[in-house]
């Protein structure tokens, strides 16, 4: 297993093509962008598309995004904004 980093849109839906073994670990801002870190298996021959939804505190989100699917929160460097990330 290896830890990979993926770029996420800070607002809305991001679709990622990832190996079959994919375990999200955390989200955060790095170099001005929203990132997702995940355990992946590099030797996988099977890939899957996974979707994530990101929204700032106080903004509404679609009904199909469940609260229990939240994988983490990320705060901007100055703490002005918090983005919540859900696997959908």
N, C-alpha and C. Protein backbone atom coordinates (compact mmCIF):
# COMPACT_ATOMS: atom_id res chain seq x y z
N UNK A 1 0.84 -1.18 0.00
CA UNK A 1 0.00 0.00 0.00
C UNK A 1 0.89 1.24 0.00
N UNK A 2 0.37 2.28 -0.62
CA UNK A 2 1.07 3.56 -0.74
C UNK A 2 0.07 4.67 -0.48
N UNK A 3 0.53 5.79 0.03
CA UNK A 3 -0.34 6.95 0.20
C UNK A 3 -0.18 7.84 -1.03
N UNK A 4 -1.32 8.11 -1.69
CA UNK A 4 -1.35 9.02 -2.84
C UNK A 4 -2.11 10.28 -2.45
N UNK A 5 -1.84 11.35 -3.20
CA UNK A 5 -2.52 12.62 -3.00
C UNK A 5 -3.30 12.95 -4.27
N UNK A 6 -4.54 13.41 -4.08
CA UNK A 6 -5.42 13.76 -5.19
C UNK A 6 -5.93 15.18 -5.02
N UNK A 7 -6.13 15.88 -6.14
CA UNK A 7 -6.72 17.22 -6.12
C UNK A 7 -8.24 17.13 -6.08
N UNK A 8 -8.87 17.96 -5.26
CA UNK A 8 -10.33 18.06 -5.20
C UNK A 8 -10.76 19.49 -5.52
N UNK A 9 -11.93 19.63 -6.12
CA UNK A 9 -12.52 20.95 -6.30
C UNK A 9 -12.98 21.43 -4.92
N UNK A 10 -12.74 22.69 -4.56
CA UNK A 10 -13.14 23.16 -3.23
C UNK A 10 -14.64 23.38 -3.09
N UNK A 11 -15.37 23.31 -4.21
CA UNK A 11 -16.83 23.46 -4.16
C UNK A 11 -17.44 22.65 -5.29
N UNK A 12 -18.35 21.75 -4.93
CA UNK A 12 -19.00 20.93 -5.95
C UNK A 12 -18.45 19.52 -6.00
N UNK A 13 -18.63 18.86 -7.15
CA UNK A 13 -18.30 17.44 -7.31
C UNK A 13 -16.96 17.26 -8.01
N UNK A 14 -16.17 16.32 -7.50
CA UNK A 14 -14.93 15.87 -8.14
C UNK A 14 -15.04 14.38 -8.36
N UNK A 15 -14.73 13.92 -9.57
CA UNK A 15 -14.67 12.49 -9.87
C UNK A 15 -13.21 12.10 -10.04
N UNK A 16 -12.80 11.06 -9.33
CA UNK A 16 -11.42 10.58 -9.41
C UNK A 16 -11.41 9.15 -9.93
N UNK A 17 -10.44 8.83 -10.76
CA UNK A 17 -10.22 7.46 -11.23
C UNK A 17 -9.12 6.90 -10.34
N UNK A 18 -9.45 5.88 -9.53
CA UNK A 18 -8.53 5.39 -8.52
C UNK A 18 -8.42 3.87 -8.60
N UNK A 19 -7.34 3.29 -8.04
CA UNK A 19 -7.22 1.84 -7.99
C UNK A 19 -8.35 1.21 -7.18
N UNK A 20 -8.60 -0.07 -7.43
CA UNK A 20 -9.67 -0.79 -6.74
C UNK A 20 -9.54 -0.77 -5.23
N UNK A 21 -8.31 -0.81 -4.72
CA UNK A 21 -8.09 -0.67 -3.28
C UNK A 21 -7.78 0.80 -3.02
N UNK A 22 -8.75 1.49 -2.39
CA UNK A 22 -8.67 2.93 -2.19
C UNK A 22 -9.33 3.25 -0.85
N UNK A 23 -8.56 3.79 0.08
CA UNK A 23 -9.07 4.11 1.41
C UNK A 23 -8.74 5.57 1.72
N UNK A 24 -9.75 6.48 1.67
CA UNK A 24 -9.49 7.88 2.01
C UNK A 24 -9.00 8.02 3.45
N UNK A 25 -7.99 8.87 3.63
CA UNK A 25 -7.42 9.08 4.96
C UNK A 25 -7.75 10.45 5.53
N UNK A 26 -7.51 11.50 4.73
CA UNK A 26 -7.73 12.85 5.24
C UNK A 26 -7.82 13.83 4.09
N UNK A 27 -8.31 15.02 4.41
CA UNK A 27 -8.34 16.12 3.45
C UNK A 27 -7.69 17.34 4.08
N UNK A 28 -7.16 18.22 3.24
CA UNK A 28 -6.54 19.44 3.74
C UNK A 28 -6.14 20.34 2.59
N UNK A 29 -5.76 21.55 2.93
CA UNK A 29 -5.26 22.47 1.92
C UNK A 29 -3.75 22.39 1.89
N UNK A 30 -3.21 22.37 0.68
CA UNK A 30 -1.76 22.38 0.49
C UNK A 30 -1.46 23.23 -0.74
N UNK A 31 -0.57 24.18 -0.60
CA UNK A 31 -0.18 25.06 -1.71
C UNK A 31 -1.39 25.69 -2.39
N UNK A 32 -2.38 26.08 -1.58
CA UNK A 32 -3.55 26.79 -2.08
C UNK A 32 -4.65 25.92 -2.67
N UNK A 33 -4.48 24.61 -2.69
CA UNK A 33 -5.50 23.73 -3.25
C UNK A 33 -6.00 22.70 -2.26
N UNK A 34 -7.24 22.23 -2.46
CA UNK A 34 -7.82 21.20 -1.61
C UNK A 34 -7.31 19.85 -2.05
N UNK A 35 -6.80 19.06 -1.12
CA UNK A 35 -6.20 17.75 -1.41
C UNK A 35 -6.88 16.65 -0.60
N UNK A 36 -6.83 15.45 -1.16
CA UNK A 36 -7.28 14.23 -0.49
C UNK A 36 -6.11 13.27 -0.45
N UNK A 37 -5.81 12.72 0.71
CA UNK A 37 -4.79 11.70 0.83
C UNK A 37 -5.48 10.37 1.08
N UNK A 38 -4.99 9.32 0.40
CA UNK A 38 -5.64 8.00 0.51
C UNK A 38 -4.60 6.89 0.38
N UNK A 39 -4.86 5.78 1.09
CA UNK A 39 -4.10 4.55 0.86
C UNK A 39 -4.58 3.96 -0.44
N UNK A 40 -3.65 3.55 -1.29
CA UNK A 40 -4.01 2.86 -2.53
C UNK A 40 -3.05 1.69 -2.73
N UNK A 41 -3.50 0.73 -3.51
CA UNK A 41 -2.64 -0.38 -3.90
C UNK A 41 -2.20 -0.14 -5.33
N UNK A 42 -0.91 0.10 -5.52
CA UNK A 42 -0.39 0.43 -6.85
C UNK A 42 -0.44 -0.74 -7.82
N UNK A 43 -0.47 -1.95 -7.32
CA UNK A 43 -0.42 -3.11 -8.21
C UNK A 43 -1.81 -3.56 -8.69
N UNK A 44 -2.82 -2.78 -8.43
CA UNK A 44 -4.18 -3.10 -8.87
C UNK A 44 -4.32 -2.92 -10.37
N UNK A 45 -5.01 -3.85 -11.02
CA UNK A 45 -5.30 -3.73 -12.44
C UNK A 45 -6.73 -3.26 -12.66
N UNK A 46 -7.49 -3.21 -11.57
CA UNK A 46 -8.88 -2.77 -11.62
C UNK A 46 -8.95 -1.34 -11.08
N UNK A 47 -9.65 -0.48 -11.81
CA UNK A 47 -9.82 0.90 -11.37
C UNK A 47 -11.30 1.21 -11.23
N UNK A 48 -11.59 2.22 -10.46
CA UNK A 48 -12.97 2.63 -10.22
C UNK A 48 -13.05 4.16 -10.22
N UNK A 49 -14.22 4.67 -10.54
CA UNK A 49 -14.48 6.09 -10.43
C UNK A 49 -15.15 6.34 -9.09
N UNK A 50 -14.62 7.26 -8.32
CA UNK A 50 -15.24 7.65 -7.05
C UNK A 50 -15.52 9.15 -7.09
N UNK A 51 -16.62 9.53 -6.45
CA UNK A 51 -17.03 10.94 -6.47
C UNK A 51 -17.02 11.51 -5.06
N UNK A 52 -16.63 12.78 -4.99
CA UNK A 52 -16.61 13.51 -3.74
C UNK A 52 -17.34 14.83 -3.94
N UNK A 53 -18.03 15.26 -2.91
CA UNK A 53 -18.72 16.55 -2.93
C UNK A 53 -18.11 17.42 -1.85
N UNK A 54 -17.75 18.65 -2.21
CA UNK A 54 -17.15 19.60 -1.27
C UNK A 54 -18.03 20.83 -1.14
N UNK A 55 -18.18 21.33 0.08
CA UNK A 55 -18.97 22.54 0.32
C UNK A 55 -18.43 23.26 1.55
N UNK A 56 -18.47 24.59 1.48
CA UNK A 56 -18.05 25.40 2.62
C UNK A 56 -19.14 25.41 3.68
N UNK A 57 -18.74 25.67 4.90
CA UNK A 57 -19.68 25.82 6.00
C UNK A 57 -20.72 26.88 5.64
N UNK A 58 -21.98 26.57 5.91
CA UNK A 58 -23.06 27.53 5.67
C UNK A 58 -23.71 27.41 4.31
N UNK A 59 -23.11 26.65 3.40
CA UNK A 59 -23.70 26.47 2.08
C UNK A 59 -24.55 25.20 2.06
N UNK A 60 -25.60 25.21 1.26
CA UNK A 60 -26.45 24.02 1.18
C UNK A 60 -25.81 22.99 0.25
N UNK A 61 -26.26 21.75 0.38
CA UNK A 61 -25.77 20.70 -0.51
C UNK A 61 -26.92 19.80 -0.90
N UNK A 62 -26.75 19.03 -2.00
CA UNK A 62 -27.85 18.22 -2.54
C UNK A 62 -28.36 17.18 -1.54
N UNK A 63 -29.62 16.79 -1.70
CA UNK A 63 -30.24 15.81 -0.81
C UNK A 63 -29.53 14.45 -0.84
N UNK A 64 -28.91 14.09 -1.98
CA UNK A 64 -28.28 12.77 -2.07
C UNK A 64 -26.94 12.69 -1.32
N UNK A 65 -26.45 13.80 -0.82
CA UNK A 65 -25.21 13.81 -0.03
C UNK A 65 -25.59 13.55 1.42
N UNK A 66 -25.15 12.40 1.94
CA UNK A 66 -25.51 12.02 3.31
C UNK A 66 -24.48 12.56 4.31
N UNK A 67 -24.96 13.00 5.45
CA UNK A 67 -24.08 13.55 6.48
C UNK A 67 -23.07 12.51 6.97
N UNK A 68 -23.46 11.23 6.99
CA UNK A 68 -22.55 10.19 7.49
C UNK A 68 -21.50 9.78 6.45
N UNK A 69 -21.51 10.42 5.28
CA UNK A 69 -20.49 10.13 4.27
C UNK A 69 -19.35 11.14 4.28
N UNK A 70 -19.33 12.01 5.30
CA UNK A 70 -18.28 13.03 5.41
C UNK A 70 -16.95 12.33 5.71
N UNK A 71 -15.93 12.62 4.92
CA UNK A 71 -14.62 12.02 5.16
C UNK A 71 -13.65 12.99 5.82
N UNK A 72 -14.06 14.25 5.93
CA UNK A 72 -13.18 15.18 6.63
C UNK A 72 -13.49 16.63 6.33
N UNK A 73 -12.77 17.49 7.02
CA UNK A 73 -12.90 18.93 6.88
C UNK A 73 -11.51 19.52 6.70
N UNK A 74 -11.46 20.60 5.94
CA UNK A 74 -10.18 21.28 5.72
C UNK A 74 -10.37 22.77 5.93
N UNK A 75 -9.42 23.38 6.62
CA UNK A 75 -9.48 24.80 6.90
C UNK A 75 -8.40 25.51 6.07
N UNK A 76 -8.76 26.65 5.49
CA UNK A 76 -7.76 27.43 4.77
C UNK A 76 -6.69 27.90 5.74
N UNK A 77 -5.53 28.28 5.21
CA UNK A 77 -4.40 28.67 6.04
C UNK A 77 -4.71 29.73 7.07
N UNK A 78 -5.56 30.69 6.71
CA UNK A 78 -5.91 31.76 7.63
C UNK A 78 -7.11 31.41 8.49
N UNK A 79 -7.74 30.27 8.21
CA UNK A 79 -8.90 29.86 8.98
C UNK A 79 -10.19 30.56 8.61
N UNK A 80 -10.18 31.27 7.47
CA UNK A 80 -11.37 32.00 7.05
C UNK A 80 -12.48 31.08 6.56
N UNK A 81 -12.11 29.96 5.96
CA UNK A 81 -13.09 29.05 5.39
C UNK A 81 -12.82 27.62 5.82
N UNK A 82 -13.90 26.88 6.02
CA UNK A 82 -13.80 25.44 6.27
C UNK A 82 -14.58 24.75 5.16
N UNK A 83 -13.94 23.78 4.51
CA UNK A 83 -14.58 22.99 3.46
C UNK A 83 -14.81 21.59 4.00
N UNK A 84 -16.02 21.07 3.82
CA UNK A 84 -16.41 19.74 4.26
C UNK A 84 -16.45 18.85 3.01
N UNK A 85 -15.87 17.65 3.10
CA UNK A 85 -15.78 16.76 1.94
C UNK A 85 -16.54 15.46 2.24
N UNK A 86 -17.43 15.09 1.31
CA UNK A 86 -18.27 13.91 1.42
C UNK A 86 -17.99 12.96 0.27
N UNK A 87 -17.97 11.67 0.54
CA UNK A 87 -17.90 10.68 -0.55
C UNK A 87 -19.33 10.39 -0.98
N UNK A 88 -19.59 10.50 -2.28
CA UNK A 88 -20.96 10.29 -2.79
C UNK A 88 -21.00 9.16 -3.79
